[in-house]
C-alpha cells in the first residue's frame, strides 16, 4: 500500500511532538538547563508542529493546498537542522558560538546589585554539552532529527495525490 502525504504529516506531528517533549522533560525532570541556542532550536518545532497537525486534520477538505504546506514545513525543519548543526559545532569546539550565549544582562543600579545577580544566576554555557549519548550531544541529535523531519516533509510534498482526492 502506498502512503500519501497525510501519513507523512501524521508521522512528523507525532515524532516532532515526542522530540519536543523529550527536550522539555530533560529540562523539567532531568534537571538540565537549556542554553540560549538550545531554546532557539525549539522554535522550529513550535512553528511546524501545529502546521503538520493542521495538514493531517484538514487534508480531506483541501488536499492540494495542504500538501503544499509540507514544503514550508520542510524548510522550517531544515532551519532547525541548521541550528542544531551550528550548536553541535559550538559544543565540539569546531567554531565559536555567540559571545553572550547563556548570559544576558539587565540594567543594574549598583555594583552590589550586579554582584548579587551574578551570584544567583546559573550560567548555562552554549559551548558545553549538557548531555551526550554515544558521544552525540542533544544538539547533534536535534540536527539528525530535524534533518529527518525535513526530508519526510519534502517527501510528503512530492507524493502523488490519490485520484479520488483531487
N, C-alpha and C. Protein backbone atom coordinates (compact mmCIF):
# COMPACT_ATOMS: atom_id res chain seq x y z
N UNK A 1 0.83 -1.19 0.00
CA UNK A 1 0.00 0.00 0.00
C UNK A 1 0.87 1.24 0.00
N UNK A 2 0.55 2.18 -0.88
CA UNK A 2 1.32 3.40 -0.98
C UNK A 2 0.78 4.42 0.02
N UNK A 3 1.68 5.05 0.76
CA UNK A 3 1.26 6.07 1.71
C UNK A 3 1.09 7.39 0.99
N UNK A 4 0.29 8.25 1.56
CA UNK A 4 0.14 9.58 0.99
C UNK A 4 0.69 10.63 1.94
N UNK A 5 0.58 11.87 1.58
CA UNK A 5 1.19 12.96 2.35
C UNK A 5 0.60 13.07 3.74
N UNK A 6 -0.65 12.62 3.93
CA UNK A 6 -1.25 12.70 5.26
C UNK A 6 -0.50 11.82 6.26
N UNK A 7 -0.04 10.69 5.80
CA UNK A 7 0.75 9.81 6.66
C UNK A 7 2.05 10.50 7.07
N UNK A 8 2.69 11.16 6.10
CA UNK A 8 3.91 11.90 6.42
C UNK A 8 3.62 12.98 7.46
N UNK A 9 2.52 13.71 7.29
CA UNK A 9 2.16 14.77 8.24
C UNK A 9 1.91 14.19 9.63
N UNK A 10 1.25 13.05 9.70
CA UNK A 10 0.99 12.41 11.00
C UNK A 10 2.29 11.97 11.65
N UNK A 11 3.17 11.36 10.89
CA UNK A 11 4.46 10.90 11.44
C UNK A 11 5.27 12.09 11.94
N UNK A 12 5.30 13.17 11.15
CA UNK A 12 6.04 14.38 11.56
C UNK A 12 5.45 14.93 12.85
N UNK A 13 4.11 15.00 12.92
CA UNK A 13 3.46 15.53 14.11
C UNK A 13 3.79 14.70 15.34
N UNK A 14 3.68 13.39 15.23
CA UNK A 14 3.93 12.51 16.38
C UNK A 14 5.41 12.50 16.76
N UNK A 15 6.28 12.35 15.77
CA UNK A 15 7.72 12.31 16.06
C UNK A 15 8.20 13.65 16.61
N UNK A 16 7.78 14.74 15.98
CA UNK A 16 8.19 16.07 16.43
C UNK A 16 7.71 16.37 17.83
N UNK A 17 6.47 15.96 18.13
CA UNK A 17 5.94 16.16 19.48
C UNK A 17 6.75 15.35 20.49
N UNK A 18 7.12 14.13 20.13
CA UNK A 18 7.95 13.31 21.01
C UNK A 18 9.32 13.92 21.24
N UNK A 19 9.91 14.48 20.19
CA UNK A 19 11.23 15.11 20.31
C UNK A 19 11.15 16.33 21.21
N UNK A 20 10.16 17.17 20.98
CA UNK A 20 9.99 18.38 21.79
C UNK A 20 9.68 18.01 23.24
N UNK A 21 8.84 17.00 23.44
CA UNK A 21 8.52 16.56 24.80
C UNK A 21 9.76 16.03 25.52
N UNK A 22 10.61 15.32 24.80
CA UNK A 22 11.85 14.81 25.39
C UNK A 22 12.74 15.97 25.83
N UNK A 23 12.86 16.99 24.99
CA UNK A 23 13.67 18.16 25.37
C UNK A 23 13.11 18.83 26.62
N UNK A 24 11.80 18.98 26.66
CA UNK A 24 11.18 19.61 27.83
C UNK A 24 11.32 18.74 29.08
N UNK A 25 11.22 17.42 28.93
CA UNK A 25 11.36 16.52 30.09
C UNK A 25 12.77 16.53 30.64
N UNK A 26 13.77 16.64 29.77
CA UNK A 26 15.15 16.70 30.28
C UNK A 26 15.36 17.97 31.09
N UNK A 27 14.61 19.00 30.74
CA UNK A 27 14.71 20.25 31.50
C UNK A 27 13.93 20.16 32.81
N UNK A 28 12.70 19.69 32.73
CA UNK A 28 11.82 19.68 33.90
C UNK A 28 12.21 18.59 34.89
N UNK A 29 12.31 17.35 34.41
CA UNK A 29 12.58 16.23 35.31
C UNK A 29 14.04 15.82 35.33
N UNK A 30 14.76 16.10 34.26
CA UNK A 30 16.16 15.72 34.22
C UNK A 30 17.10 16.73 34.83
N UNK A 31 16.60 17.94 35.07
CA UNK A 31 17.42 18.96 35.70
C UNK A 31 18.41 19.63 34.76
N UNK A 32 18.31 19.40 33.46
CA UNK A 32 19.23 20.04 32.52
C UNK A 32 18.69 21.43 32.18
N UNK A 33 19.53 22.41 32.32
CA UNK A 33 19.13 23.78 31.97
C UNK A 33 19.54 24.07 30.54
N UNK A 34 18.60 24.49 29.71
CA UNK A 34 18.95 24.77 28.31
C UNK A 34 19.67 26.11 28.18
N UNK A 35 20.58 26.16 27.24
CA UNK A 35 21.24 27.42 26.93
C UNK A 35 20.40 28.17 25.90
N UNK A 36 20.87 29.35 25.52
CA UNK A 36 20.13 30.17 24.56
C UNK A 36 19.99 29.46 23.21
N UNK A 37 21.03 28.77 22.76
CA UNK A 37 20.95 28.06 21.49
C UNK A 37 19.99 26.86 21.57
N UNK A 38 19.95 26.21 22.72
CA UNK A 38 19.00 25.10 22.91
C UNK A 38 17.57 25.60 22.76
N UNK A 39 17.30 26.73 23.37
CA UNK A 39 15.96 27.30 23.31
C UNK A 39 15.60 27.72 21.89
N UNK A 40 16.57 28.24 21.15
CA UNK A 40 16.31 28.62 19.76
C UNK A 40 15.98 27.41 18.90
N UNK A 41 16.55 26.26 19.21
CA UNK A 41 16.30 25.06 18.42
C UNK A 41 14.88 24.52 18.60
N UNK A 42 14.18 24.98 19.61
CA UNK A 42 12.80 24.54 19.83
C UNK A 42 11.81 25.29 18.96
N UNK A 43 12.15 26.48 18.51
CA UNK A 43 11.22 27.30 17.75
C UNK A 43 10.72 26.64 16.47
N UNK A 44 11.57 25.97 15.69
CA UNK A 44 11.04 25.29 14.50
C UNK A 44 9.94 24.27 14.85
N UNK A 45 10.07 23.61 15.97
CA UNK A 45 9.04 22.66 16.39
C UNK A 45 7.75 23.40 16.77
N UNK A 46 7.90 24.50 17.48
CA UNK A 46 6.72 25.28 17.88
C UNK A 46 5.95 25.79 16.67
N UNK A 47 6.64 26.09 15.60
CA UNK A 47 6.01 26.61 14.39
C UNK A 47 5.49 25.49 13.49
N UNK A 48 6.32 24.47 13.26
CA UNK A 48 5.97 23.43 12.27
C UNK A 48 4.95 22.41 12.78
N UNK A 49 4.99 22.08 14.06
CA UNK A 49 4.08 21.03 14.54
C UNK A 49 2.60 21.41 14.43
N UNK A 50 2.20 22.63 14.76
CA UNK A 50 0.80 22.97 14.51
C UNK A 50 0.43 22.91 13.02
N UNK A 51 1.37 23.27 12.15
CA UNK A 51 1.10 23.19 10.71
C UNK A 51 0.90 21.75 10.26
N UNK A 52 1.75 20.84 10.75
CA UNK A 52 1.59 19.44 10.34
C UNK A 52 0.32 18.83 10.92
N UNK A 53 -0.06 19.24 12.11
CA UNK A 53 -1.33 18.78 12.68
C UNK A 53 -2.50 19.29 11.83
N UNK A 54 -2.42 20.54 11.39
CA UNK A 54 -3.45 21.11 10.52
C UNK A 54 -3.52 20.34 9.20
N UNK A 55 -2.37 20.03 8.64
CA UNK A 55 -2.32 19.27 7.39
C UNK A 55 -3.00 17.93 7.57
N UNK A 56 -2.68 17.24 8.63
CA UNK A 56 -3.24 15.91 8.85
C UNK A 56 -4.75 15.98 9.07
N UNK A 57 -5.19 16.92 9.90
CA UNK A 57 -6.61 17.01 10.22
C UNK A 57 -7.44 17.48 9.03
N UNK A 58 -6.95 18.47 8.29
CA UNK A 58 -7.75 19.05 7.22
C UNK A 58 -7.47 18.55 5.83
N UNK A 59 -6.64 17.54 5.69
CA UNK A 59 -6.22 17.07 4.37
C UNK A 59 -7.38 16.61 3.50
N UNK A 60 -8.43 16.11 4.08
CA UNK A 60 -9.54 15.61 3.27
C UNK A 60 -10.34 16.76 2.65
N UNK A 61 -10.24 17.98 3.18
CA UNK A 61 -11.00 19.12 2.65
C UNK A 61 -10.25 19.86 1.54
N UNK A 62 -8.97 20.03 1.70
CA UNK A 62 -8.18 20.78 0.70
C UNK A 62 -6.84 20.08 0.52
N UNK A 63 -6.85 18.91 -0.08
CA UNK A 63 -5.60 18.13 -0.14
C UNK A 63 -4.46 18.79 -0.90
N UNK A 64 -4.74 19.46 -2.00
CA UNK A 64 -3.66 20.06 -2.78
C UNK A 64 -3.01 21.20 -2.01
N UNK A 65 -3.84 22.06 -1.43
CA UNK A 65 -3.30 23.19 -0.67
C UNK A 65 -2.53 22.72 0.55
N UNK A 66 -3.09 21.77 1.27
CA UNK A 66 -2.43 21.33 2.50
C UNK A 66 -1.19 20.49 2.20
N UNK A 67 -1.20 19.75 1.11
CA UNK A 67 0.01 19.04 0.74
C UNK A 67 1.12 20.04 0.45
N UNK A 68 0.78 21.16 -0.18
CA UNK A 68 1.76 22.20 -0.46
C UNK A 68 2.36 22.81 0.79
N UNK A 69 1.63 22.76 1.90
CA UNK A 69 2.15 23.29 3.17
C UNK A 69 3.33 22.48 3.69
N UNK A 70 3.49 21.26 3.20
CA UNK A 70 4.63 20.45 3.65
C UNK A 70 5.97 21.04 3.17
N UNK A 71 5.94 21.83 2.11
CA UNK A 71 7.19 22.45 1.63
C UNK A 71 7.73 23.42 2.68
N UNK A 72 6.92 24.41 3.15
CA UNK A 72 7.48 25.28 4.20
C UNK A 72 7.77 24.54 5.50
N UNK A 73 7.01 23.49 5.81
CA UNK A 73 7.32 22.69 7.00
C UNK A 73 8.72 22.09 6.85
N UNK A 74 9.03 21.59 5.67
CA UNK A 74 10.37 21.06 5.41
C UNK A 74 11.44 22.14 5.55
N UNK A 75 11.14 23.34 5.07
CA UNK A 75 12.10 24.45 5.21
C UNK A 75 12.30 24.83 6.68
N UNK A 76 11.22 24.82 7.45
CA UNK A 76 11.32 25.14 8.88
C UNK A 76 12.20 24.12 9.59
N UNK A 77 11.99 22.83 9.29
CA UNK A 77 12.83 21.81 9.92
C UNK A 77 14.26 21.85 9.38
N UNK A 78 14.45 22.26 8.14
CA UNK A 78 15.82 22.43 7.63
C UNK A 78 16.53 23.55 8.40
N UNK A 79 15.81 24.60 8.71
CA UNK A 79 16.36 25.65 9.55
C UNK A 79 16.71 25.10 10.93
N UNK A 80 15.82 24.26 11.48
CA UNK A 80 16.09 23.63 12.77
C UNK A 80 17.34 22.75 12.72
N UNK A 81 17.51 22.04 11.61
CA UNK A 81 18.71 21.21 11.44
C UNK A 81 19.96 22.09 11.39
N UNK A 82 19.85 23.23 10.72
CA UNK A 82 20.98 24.16 10.64
C UNK A 82 21.34 24.68 12.03
N UNK A 83 20.33 25.02 12.82
CA UNK A 83 20.59 25.48 14.19
C UNK A 83 21.24 24.37 15.02
N UNK A 84 20.76 23.14 14.87
CA UNK A 84 21.35 22.02 15.60
C UNK A 84 22.79 21.77 15.19
N UNK A 85 23.06 21.85 13.88
CA UNK A 85 24.41 21.67 13.37
C UNK A 85 25.34 22.75 13.91
N UNK A 86 24.87 23.99 13.87
CA UNK A 86 25.67 25.10 14.39
C UNK A 86 25.96 24.91 15.88
N UNK A 87 24.94 24.58 16.66
CA UNK A 87 25.13 24.42 18.10
C UNK A 87 26.05 23.24 18.40
N UNK A 88 25.88 22.13 17.69
CA UNK A 88 26.77 20.99 17.90
C UNK A 88 28.22 21.37 17.58
N UNK A 89 28.42 22.14 16.53
CA UNK A 89 29.77 22.60 16.20
C UNK A 89 30.36 23.47 17.29
N UNK A 90 29.53 24.30 17.92
CA UNK A 90 29.99 25.12 19.04
C UNK A 90 30.37 24.21 20.20
N UNK A 91 29.53 23.22 20.49
CA UNK A 91 29.82 22.31 21.61
C UNK A 91 31.09 21.50 21.38
N UNK A 92 31.34 21.09 20.15
CA UNK A 92 32.52 20.27 19.85
C UNK A 92 33.75 21.12 19.55
N UNK A 93 33.63 22.45 19.70
CA UNK A 93 34.77 23.34 19.53
C UNK A 93 35.20 23.55 18.09
N UNK A 94 34.31 23.29 17.13
CA UNK A 94 34.66 23.48 15.73
C UNK A 94 34.64 24.95 15.33
N UNK A 95 33.82 25.75 16.02
CA UNK A 95 33.77 27.18 15.79
C UNK A 95 33.23 27.85 17.04
N UNK A 96 33.41 29.15 17.09
CA UNK A 96 32.98 29.91 18.27
C UNK A 96 31.48 30.15 18.22
N UNK A 97 30.88 30.17 19.38
CA UNK A 97 29.46 30.47 19.48
C UNK A 97 29.24 31.95 19.69
N UNK A 98 28.00 32.33 19.88
CA UNK A 98 27.71 33.74 20.15
C UNK A 98 28.39 34.20 21.43
N UNK A 99 28.82 35.43 21.46
CA UNK A 99 29.59 35.92 22.60
C UNK A 99 28.78 35.95 23.89
N UNK A 100 27.49 36.22 23.82
CA UNK A 100 26.69 36.33 25.04
C UNK A 100 25.85 35.11 25.31
N UNK A 101 26.17 33.98 24.74
CA UNK A 101 25.32 32.81 24.88
C UNK A 101 25.27 32.32 26.32
N UNK A 102 24.06 32.23 26.81
CA UNK A 102 23.86 31.77 28.18
C UNK A 102 23.82 32.90 29.17
N UNK A 103 24.29 34.03 28.78
CA UNK A 103 24.30 35.17 29.68
C UNK A 103 23.03 35.99 29.56
N UNK A 104 23.18 37.21 29.53
CA UNK A 104 22.04 38.11 29.46
C UNK A 104 22.27 39.20 30.49
N UNK A 105 21.92 40.38 30.15
CA UNK A 105 22.17 41.45 31.10
C UNK A 105 20.93 42.31 31.26
N UNK A 106 20.80 42.80 32.43
CA UNK A 106 19.73 43.71 32.78
C UNK A 106 20.40 44.89 33.45
N UNK A 107 19.85 46.06 33.30
CA UNK A 107 20.46 47.23 33.92
C UNK A 107 20.45 47.13 35.43
N UNK A 108 21.58 47.45 36.04
CA UNK A 108 21.70 47.42 37.50
C UNK A 108 22.07 48.81 37.97
N UNK A 109 21.52 49.18 39.10
CA UNK A 109 21.78 50.50 39.68
C UNK A 109 23.16 50.57 40.33
N UNK A 110 23.55 49.49 41.01
CA UNK A 110 24.82 49.50 41.73
C UNK A 110 25.60 48.23 41.42
N UNK A 111 26.86 48.29 41.74
CA UNK A 111 27.72 47.13 41.58
C UNK A 111 27.26 46.00 42.49
N UNK A 112 26.77 46.32 43.65
CA UNK A 112 26.28 45.31 44.59
C UNK A 112 25.11 44.53 43.98
N UNK A 113 24.20 45.24 43.30
CA UNK A 113 23.07 44.55 42.64
C UNK A 113 23.58 43.61 41.56
N UNK A 114 24.56 44.06 40.80
CA UNK A 114 25.13 43.23 39.76
C UNK A 114 25.78 41.99 40.35
N UNK A 115 26.57 42.15 41.39
CA UNK A 115 27.24 41.02 42.03
C UNK A 115 26.24 40.04 42.65
N UNK A 116 25.18 40.57 43.25
CA UNK A 116 24.13 39.70 43.80
C UNK A 116 23.45 38.90 42.70
N UNK A 117 23.15 39.55 41.59
CA UNK A 117 22.51 38.87 40.46
C UNK A 117 23.44 37.80 39.89
N UNK A 118 24.72 38.11 39.81
CA UNK A 118 25.68 37.13 39.29
C UNK A 118 25.81 35.93 40.22
N UNK A 119 25.73 36.15 41.50
CA UNK A 119 25.83 35.05 42.47
C UNK A 119 24.61 34.13 42.38
N UNK A 120 23.44 34.68 42.08
CA UNK A 120 22.22 33.89 41.99
C UNK A 120 22.05 33.22 40.63
N UNK A 121 22.64 33.81 39.60
CA UNK A 121 22.43 33.33 38.24
C UNK A 121 23.14 32.00 38.01
N UNK A 122 22.48 31.15 37.29
CA UNK A 122 23.08 29.88 36.88
C UNK A 122 23.40 30.01 35.40
N UNK A 123 24.66 30.27 35.10
CA UNK A 123 25.09 30.47 33.73
C UNK A 123 25.13 29.13 33.01
N UNK A 124 24.45 29.07 31.89
CA UNK A 124 24.45 27.86 31.08
C UNK A 124 25.24 28.18 29.82
N UNK A 125 26.31 27.46 29.63
CA UNK A 125 27.19 27.72 28.50
C UNK A 125 26.72 26.97 27.27
N UNK A 126 26.83 27.64 26.14
CA UNK A 126 26.45 27.02 24.87
C UNK A 126 27.55 26.11 24.32
N UNK A 127 28.77 26.30 24.81
CA UNK A 127 29.88 25.53 24.25
C UNK A 127 30.19 24.26 25.05
N UNK A 128 29.32 23.91 25.99
CA UNK A 128 29.48 22.67 26.74
C UNK A 128 28.19 21.87 26.64
N UNK A 129 28.30 20.65 26.15
CA UNK A 129 27.11 19.80 26.03
C UNK A 129 26.63 19.41 27.42
N UNK A 130 25.36 19.66 27.69
CA UNK A 130 24.79 19.31 28.99
C UNK A 130 24.61 17.81 29.12
N UNK A 131 24.47 17.11 27.99
CA UNK A 131 24.22 15.68 27.99
C UNK A 131 24.68 15.11 26.65
N UNK A 132 25.31 13.95 26.70
CA UNK A 132 25.67 13.24 25.47
C UNK A 132 25.27 11.78 25.60
N UNK A 133 24.98 11.18 24.49
CA UNK A 133 24.70 9.75 24.43
C UNK A 133 25.44 9.21 23.22
N UNK A 134 26.31 8.25 23.45
CA UNK A 134 27.16 7.69 22.40
C UNK A 134 28.02 8.77 21.74
N UNK A 135 28.42 9.77 22.53
CA UNK A 135 29.28 10.84 22.03
C UNK A 135 28.57 11.92 21.24
N UNK A 136 27.26 11.84 21.16
CA UNK A 136 26.49 12.84 20.40
C UNK A 136 25.68 13.67 21.40
N UNK A 137 25.79 14.98 21.27
CA UNK A 137 25.06 15.88 22.16
C UNK A 137 23.60 15.98 21.74
N UNK A 138 22.81 16.61 22.58
CA UNK A 138 21.40 16.81 22.25
C UNK A 138 21.27 17.68 21.00
N UNK A 139 22.17 18.64 20.83
CA UNK A 139 22.15 19.46 19.62
C UNK A 139 22.44 18.60 18.39
N UNK A 140 23.36 17.66 18.53
CA UNK A 140 23.65 16.74 17.43
C UNK A 140 22.46 15.87 17.08
N UNK A 141 21.77 15.37 18.11
CA UNK A 141 20.56 14.58 17.86
C UNK A 141 19.47 15.44 17.25
N UNK A 142 19.39 16.70 17.65
CA UNK A 142 18.39 17.58 17.05
C UNK A 142 18.71 17.81 15.57
N UNK A 143 19.99 17.93 15.24
CA UNK A 143 20.37 18.05 13.83
C UNK A 143 19.86 16.84 13.04
N UNK A 144 20.10 15.65 13.57
CA UNK A 144 19.67 14.44 12.88
C UNK A 144 18.14 14.36 12.78
N UNK A 145 17.46 14.64 13.88
CA UNK A 145 16.00 14.56 13.90
C UNK A 145 15.38 15.60 12.98
N UNK A 146 15.85 16.83 13.06
CA UNK A 146 15.30 17.90 12.22
C UNK A 146 15.56 17.63 10.74
N UNK A 147 16.73 17.08 10.43
CA UNK A 147 17.03 16.72 9.04
C UNK A 147 16.06 15.65 8.55
N UNK A 148 15.83 14.64 9.38
CA UNK A 148 14.89 13.58 9.01
C UNK A 148 13.48 14.10 8.83
N UNK A 149 13.04 15.00 9.71
CA UNK A 149 11.70 15.56 9.59
C UNK A 149 11.58 16.44 8.35
N UNK A 150 12.64 17.17 8.01
CA UNK A 150 12.62 17.99 6.79
C UNK A 150 12.50 17.10 5.56
N UNK A 151 13.28 16.03 5.52
CA UNK A 151 13.21 15.10 4.38
C UNK A 151 11.84 14.43 4.29
N UNK A 152 11.29 14.07 5.43
CA UNK A 152 9.96 13.45 5.44
C UNK A 152 8.89 14.43 4.94
N UNK A 153 9.01 15.68 5.33
CA UNK A 153 8.05 16.70 4.86
C UNK A 153 8.17 16.88 3.35
N UNK A 154 9.39 17.00 2.84
CA UNK A 154 9.56 17.18 1.40
C UNK A 154 9.13 15.94 0.64
N UNK A 155 9.35 14.78 1.20
CA UNK A 155 8.89 13.55 0.55
C UNK A 155 7.37 13.56 0.45
N UNK A 156 6.70 13.95 1.53
CA UNK A 156 5.24 14.03 1.51
C UNK A 156 4.73 15.06 0.53
N UNK A 157 5.47 16.15 0.37
CA UNK A 157 5.04 17.20 -0.55
C UNK A 157 5.12 16.76 -2.00
N UNK A 158 5.95 15.77 -2.28
CA UNK A 158 6.11 15.30 -3.67
C UNK A 158 5.29 14.06 -3.98
N UNK A 159 4.53 13.57 -3.01
CA UNK A 159 3.71 12.36 -3.24
C UNK A 159 2.61 12.67 -4.24
N UNK A 160 2.28 11.73 -5.06
CA UNK A 160 1.16 11.88 -5.99
C UNK A 160 -0.12 11.69 -5.21
N UNK A 161 -1.05 12.62 -5.40
CA UNK A 161 -2.34 12.51 -4.72
C UNK A 161 -3.14 11.36 -5.32
N UNK A 162 -3.82 10.58 -4.46
CA UNK A 162 -4.71 9.55 -4.99
C UNK A 162 -5.81 10.20 -5.85
N UNK A 163 -6.25 9.51 -6.86
CA UNK A 163 -7.21 10.05 -7.82
C UNK A 163 -8.49 10.58 -7.16
N UNK A 164 -9.00 9.89 -6.14
CA UNK A 164 -10.26 10.29 -5.54
C UNK A 164 -10.17 11.57 -4.72
N UNK A 165 -8.96 12.03 -4.34
CA UNK A 165 -8.85 13.24 -3.51
C UNK A 165 -8.59 14.49 -4.32
N UNK A 166 -8.42 14.37 -5.62
CA UNK A 166 -8.11 15.55 -6.45
C UNK A 166 -9.33 16.37 -6.70
